[in-house]
């Protein structure tokens, strides 16, 4: 929804993934998830959209973990104007209740 309450509706083809792999008796976890979308011709200038994460998580105890991941978001527009290409590196500590 836009600030002037206008909406766009169009179809797209997409692919999603969510992969996890446990190593070292589940103390170490490799993970990746994301989405790839390709709008139809009425996609208002958007060629494709990619959003994904890739990371590693280490369980220190049964309730505490450390993690590091990289995130990528890419929106390709016709003509190259308004393209988005964002990358982030996230490092954190977590608690499991």
N, C-alpha and C. Protein backbone atom coordinates (compact mmCIF):
# COMPACT_ATOMS: atom_id res chain seq x y z
N UNK A 1 0.85 -1.17 0.00
CA UNK A 1 0.00 0.00 0.00
C UNK A 1 0.90 1.24 0.00
N UNK A 2 0.52 2.21 -0.78
CA UNK A 2 1.28 3.45 -0.89
C UNK A 2 0.69 4.51 0.02
N UNK A 3 1.40 5.62 0.17
CA UNK A 3 0.94 6.68 1.07
C UNK A 3 -0.36 7.32 0.60
N UNK A 4 -0.67 7.24 -0.69
CA UNK A 4 -1.92 7.81 -1.19
C UNK A 4 -3.02 6.74 -1.30
N UNK A 5 -2.85 5.61 -0.56
CA UNK A 5 -3.81 4.50 -0.53
C UNK A 5 -4.01 3.82 -1.87
N UNK A 6 -3.05 3.95 -2.77
CA UNK A 6 -3.09 3.28 -4.06
C UNK A 6 -2.46 1.89 -3.90
N UNK A 7 -2.98 0.87 -4.59
CA UNK A 7 -2.39 -0.47 -4.56
C UNK A 7 -2.12 -0.93 -5.98
N UNK A 8 -1.14 -1.83 -6.10
CA UNK A 8 -0.83 -2.46 -7.38
C UNK A 8 -1.09 -3.95 -7.23
N UNK A 9 -1.73 -4.54 -8.23
CA UNK A 9 -1.97 -5.98 -8.25
C UNK A 9 -1.41 -6.55 -9.54
N UNK A 10 -0.60 -7.60 -9.42
CA UNK A 10 -0.06 -8.29 -10.58
C UNK A 10 0.39 -9.68 -10.15
N UNK A 11 0.54 -10.57 -11.12
CA UNK A 11 0.97 -11.94 -10.85
C UNK A 11 2.48 -12.04 -10.91
N UNK A 12 3.03 -13.06 -10.23
CA UNK A 12 4.46 -13.31 -10.31
C UNK A 12 4.71 -14.80 -10.09
N UNK A 13 5.84 -15.27 -10.58
CA UNK A 13 6.29 -16.64 -10.34
C UNK A 13 7.39 -16.55 -9.29
N UNK A 14 7.38 -17.48 -8.35
CA UNK A 14 8.35 -17.39 -7.26
C UNK A 14 8.91 -18.73 -6.84
N UNK A 15 10.03 -18.65 -6.16
CA UNK A 15 10.70 -19.81 -5.60
C UNK A 15 11.15 -19.45 -4.20
N UNK A 16 10.81 -20.28 -3.22
CA UNK A 16 11.24 -20.06 -1.84
C UNK A 16 12.04 -21.27 -1.37
N UNK A 17 12.99 -21.03 -0.45
CA UNK A 17 13.74 -22.13 0.12
C UNK A 17 13.97 -21.88 1.61
N UNK A 18 14.13 -22.96 2.33
CA UNK A 18 14.42 -22.93 3.77
C UNK A 18 15.21 -24.19 4.09
N UNK A 19 16.51 -24.06 4.18
CA UNK A 19 17.40 -25.20 4.38
C UNK A 19 18.10 -25.09 5.72
N UNK A 20 18.20 -26.21 6.44
CA UNK A 20 18.92 -26.26 7.71
C UNK A 20 19.72 -27.56 7.75
N UNK A 21 20.92 -27.47 8.27
CA UNK A 21 21.78 -28.64 8.39
C UNK A 21 22.44 -28.59 9.76
N UNK A 22 22.21 -29.62 10.57
CA UNK A 22 22.80 -29.71 11.90
C UNK A 22 24.07 -30.54 11.85
N UNK A 23 25.11 -30.07 12.55
CA UNK A 23 26.39 -30.75 12.63
C UNK A 23 26.82 -30.82 14.09
N UNK A 24 27.78 -31.67 14.39
CA UNK A 24 28.35 -31.79 15.74
C UNK A 24 27.26 -32.01 16.79
N UNK A 25 26.45 -33.04 16.57
CA UNK A 25 25.38 -33.41 17.51
C UNK A 25 24.44 -32.23 17.79
N UNK A 26 24.07 -31.50 16.75
CA UNK A 26 23.15 -30.36 16.80
C UNK A 26 23.69 -29.15 17.55
N UNK A 27 24.98 -29.10 17.81
CA UNK A 27 25.55 -27.90 18.43
C UNK A 27 25.81 -26.81 17.38
N UNK A 28 26.02 -27.22 16.14
CA UNK A 28 26.30 -26.28 15.06
C UNK A 28 25.21 -26.42 14.00
N UNK A 29 24.68 -25.30 13.55
CA UNK A 29 23.62 -25.32 12.55
C UNK A 29 23.98 -24.37 11.42
N UNK A 30 23.95 -24.86 10.19
CA UNK A 30 24.08 -24.05 9.00
C UNK A 30 22.68 -23.84 8.44
N UNK A 31 22.36 -22.61 8.03
CA UNK A 31 21.01 -22.37 7.53
C UNK A 31 21.01 -21.37 6.38
N UNK A 32 20.00 -21.50 5.56
CA UNK A 32 19.78 -20.58 4.45
C UNK A 32 18.29 -20.54 4.16
N UNK A 33 17.78 -19.36 3.93
CA UNK A 33 16.39 -19.23 3.49
C UNK A 33 16.30 -18.01 2.59
N UNK A 34 15.27 -17.99 1.77
CA UNK A 34 15.11 -16.85 0.88
C UNK A 34 13.98 -17.03 -0.11
N UNK A 35 13.93 -16.08 -1.04
CA UNK A 35 12.84 -16.03 -2.00
C UNK A 35 13.33 -15.35 -3.27
N UNK A 36 12.90 -15.87 -4.42
CA UNK A 36 13.17 -15.29 -5.73
C UNK A 36 11.83 -15.12 -6.42
N UNK A 37 11.52 -13.93 -6.87
CA UNK A 37 10.25 -13.64 -7.55
C UNK A 37 10.52 -12.96 -8.88
N UNK A 38 9.71 -13.34 -9.87
CA UNK A 38 9.75 -12.74 -11.20
C UNK A 38 8.33 -12.30 -11.55
N UNK A 39 8.05 -10.98 -11.53
CA UNK A 39 6.70 -10.49 -11.85
C UNK A 39 6.36 -10.66 -13.33
N UNK A 40 5.06 -10.65 -13.63
CA UNK A 40 4.63 -10.68 -15.03
C UNK A 40 4.89 -9.31 -15.66
N UNK A 41 4.47 -9.14 -16.90
CA UNK A 41 4.77 -7.92 -17.64
C UNK A 41 4.15 -6.68 -17.02
N UNK A 42 3.15 -6.85 -16.15
CA UNK A 42 2.54 -5.69 -15.48
C UNK A 42 3.22 -5.41 -14.15
N UNK A 43 4.44 -5.90 -13.96
CA UNK A 43 5.16 -5.75 -12.71
C UNK A 43 5.70 -4.35 -12.47
N UNK A 44 5.24 -3.37 -13.28
CA UNK A 44 5.56 -1.97 -13.07
C UNK A 44 7.07 -1.71 -13.05
N UNK A 45 7.77 -2.35 -14.00
CA UNK A 45 9.19 -2.09 -14.16
C UNK A 45 10.11 -2.95 -13.33
N UNK A 46 9.58 -3.87 -12.52
CA UNK A 46 10.42 -4.74 -11.70
C UNK A 46 10.77 -5.97 -12.53
N UNK A 47 12.09 -6.20 -12.75
CA UNK A 47 12.53 -7.38 -13.49
C UNK A 47 12.51 -8.62 -12.60
N UNK A 48 13.11 -8.51 -11.41
CA UNK A 48 13.10 -9.63 -10.47
C UNK A 48 13.39 -9.11 -9.07
N UNK A 49 13.11 -9.96 -8.08
CA UNK A 49 13.31 -9.63 -6.67
C UNK A 49 13.94 -10.84 -5.99
N UNK A 50 15.04 -10.63 -5.28
CA UNK A 50 15.73 -11.70 -4.55
C UNK A 50 15.93 -11.24 -3.11
N UNK A 51 15.61 -12.12 -2.19
CA UNK A 51 15.86 -11.85 -0.78
C UNK A 51 16.35 -13.15 -0.16
N UNK A 52 17.49 -13.12 0.54
CA UNK A 52 18.02 -14.35 1.09
C UNK A 52 18.91 -14.14 2.31
N UNK A 53 19.06 -15.21 3.09
CA UNK A 53 19.93 -15.22 4.27
C UNK A 53 20.77 -16.48 4.25
N UNK A 54 22.00 -16.37 4.73
CA UNK A 54 22.90 -17.50 4.87
C UNK A 54 23.65 -17.30 6.17
N UNK A 55 23.65 -18.33 7.04
CA UNK A 55 24.28 -18.13 8.33
C UNK A 55 24.67 -19.41 9.03
N UNK A 56 25.26 -19.19 10.21
CA UNK A 56 25.71 -20.28 11.07
C UNK A 56 25.30 -19.94 12.50
N UNK A 57 24.89 -20.96 13.24
CA UNK A 57 24.48 -20.79 14.64
C UNK A 57 25.17 -21.85 15.48
N UNK A 58 25.75 -21.43 16.61
CA UNK A 58 26.45 -22.34 17.51
C UNK A 58 25.76 -22.31 18.87
N UNK A 59 25.28 -23.49 19.32
CA UNK A 59 24.63 -23.59 20.63
C UNK A 59 25.68 -23.79 21.71
N UNK A 60 25.81 -22.80 22.59
CA UNK A 60 26.79 -22.89 23.68
C UNK A 60 26.24 -23.76 24.81
N UNK A 61 24.97 -23.57 25.15
CA UNK A 61 24.30 -24.36 26.18
C UNK A 61 22.93 -24.74 25.63
N UNK A 62 22.09 -25.35 26.46
CA UNK A 62 20.75 -25.70 25.99
C UNK A 62 19.87 -24.47 25.78
N UNK A 63 20.27 -23.31 26.30
CA UNK A 63 19.44 -22.12 26.16
C UNK A 63 20.14 -20.93 25.53
N UNK A 64 21.45 -20.96 25.29
CA UNK A 64 22.19 -19.81 24.73
C UNK A 64 22.89 -20.20 23.44
N UNK A 65 22.92 -19.27 22.49
CA UNK A 65 23.58 -19.54 21.21
C UNK A 65 24.21 -18.26 20.67
N UNK A 66 25.20 -18.44 19.80
CA UNK A 66 25.83 -17.36 19.05
C UNK A 66 25.53 -17.59 17.57
N UNK A 67 25.34 -16.51 16.83
CA UNK A 67 25.05 -16.68 15.41
C UNK A 67 25.69 -15.57 14.59
N UNK A 68 25.92 -15.87 13.34
CA UNK A 68 26.40 -14.90 12.35
C UNK A 68 25.70 -15.23 11.04
N UNK A 69 25.23 -14.20 10.36
CA UNK A 69 24.55 -14.43 9.08
C UNK A 69 24.75 -13.21 8.18
N UNK A 70 24.63 -13.47 6.90
CA UNK A 70 24.63 -12.41 5.92
C UNK A 70 23.26 -12.40 5.24
N UNK A 71 22.75 -11.22 4.97
CA UNK A 71 21.45 -11.06 4.32
C UNK A 71 21.64 -10.26 3.05
N UNK A 72 20.87 -10.59 2.02
CA UNK A 72 20.97 -9.92 0.74
C UNK A 72 19.58 -9.65 0.20
N UNK A 73 19.35 -8.44 -0.26
CA UNK A 73 18.09 -8.08 -0.89
C UNK A 73 18.41 -7.34 -2.19
N UNK A 74 17.84 -7.82 -3.28
CA UNK A 74 18.09 -7.23 -4.60
C UNK A 74 16.78 -7.08 -5.33
N UNK A 75 16.51 -5.86 -5.81
CA UNK A 75 15.37 -5.58 -6.68
C UNK A 75 15.93 -4.96 -7.94
N UNK A 76 15.72 -5.62 -9.07
CA UNK A 76 16.20 -5.12 -10.35
C UNK A 76 15.04 -4.50 -11.11
N UNK A 77 15.23 -3.26 -11.53
CA UNK A 77 14.18 -2.52 -12.24
C UNK A 77 14.59 -2.35 -13.70
N UNK A 78 13.60 -2.23 -14.58
CA UNK A 78 13.86 -1.98 -15.99
C UNK A 78 14.57 -0.64 -16.13
N UNK A 79 15.65 -0.62 -16.86
CA UNK A 79 16.40 0.61 -17.06
C UNK A 79 17.43 0.87 -15.98
N UNK A 80 17.41 0.11 -14.90
CA UNK A 80 18.40 0.26 -13.86
C UNK A 80 18.14 1.37 -12.86
N UNK A 81 17.12 2.19 -13.09
CA UNK A 81 16.82 3.26 -12.14
C UNK A 81 15.99 2.71 -10.99
N UNK A 82 16.38 3.03 -9.78
CA UNK A 82 15.63 2.56 -8.62
C UNK A 82 16.04 1.18 -8.15
N UNK A 83 17.12 0.61 -8.72
CA UNK A 83 17.59 -0.70 -8.28
C UNK A 83 17.95 -0.68 -6.79
N UNK A 84 17.71 -1.79 -6.12
CA UNK A 84 18.09 -1.95 -4.72
C UNK A 84 19.05 -3.12 -4.64
N UNK A 85 20.17 -2.93 -3.94
CA UNK A 85 21.14 -4.00 -3.74
C UNK A 85 21.72 -3.83 -2.34
N UNK A 86 21.03 -4.35 -1.34
CA UNK A 86 21.42 -4.19 0.06
C UNK A 86 22.01 -5.48 0.59
N UNK A 87 23.12 -5.35 1.33
CA UNK A 87 23.74 -6.49 2.00
C UNK A 87 23.97 -6.10 3.45
N UNK A 88 23.76 -7.06 4.34
CA UNK A 88 23.97 -6.84 5.77
C UNK A 88 24.70 -8.03 6.37
N UNK A 89 25.53 -7.77 7.35
CA UNK A 89 26.17 -8.81 8.14
C UNK A 89 25.66 -8.64 9.57
N UNK A 90 25.09 -9.70 10.12
CA UNK A 90 24.49 -9.65 11.45
C UNK A 90 25.19 -10.67 12.34
N UNK A 91 25.67 -10.22 13.48
CA UNK A 91 26.30 -11.10 14.48
C UNK A 91 25.53 -10.90 15.78
N UNK A 92 25.15 -12.01 16.42
CA UNK A 92 24.34 -11.85 17.62
C UNK A 92 24.43 -13.02 18.59
N UNK A 93 23.84 -12.80 19.75
CA UNK A 93 23.70 -13.82 20.78
C UNK A 93 22.22 -14.00 21.02
N UNK A 94 21.80 -15.23 21.27
CA UNK A 94 20.39 -15.52 21.46
C UNK A 94 20.10 -16.37 22.68
N UNK A 95 18.86 -16.28 23.13
CA UNK A 95 18.38 -17.06 24.27
C UNK A 95 17.15 -17.82 23.82
N UNK A 96 17.10 -19.10 24.12
CA UNK A 96 15.97 -19.95 23.79
C UNK A 96 15.17 -20.25 25.06
N UNK A 97 13.90 -19.91 25.08
CA UNK A 97 13.05 -20.13 26.26
C UNK A 97 12.48 -21.50 26.26
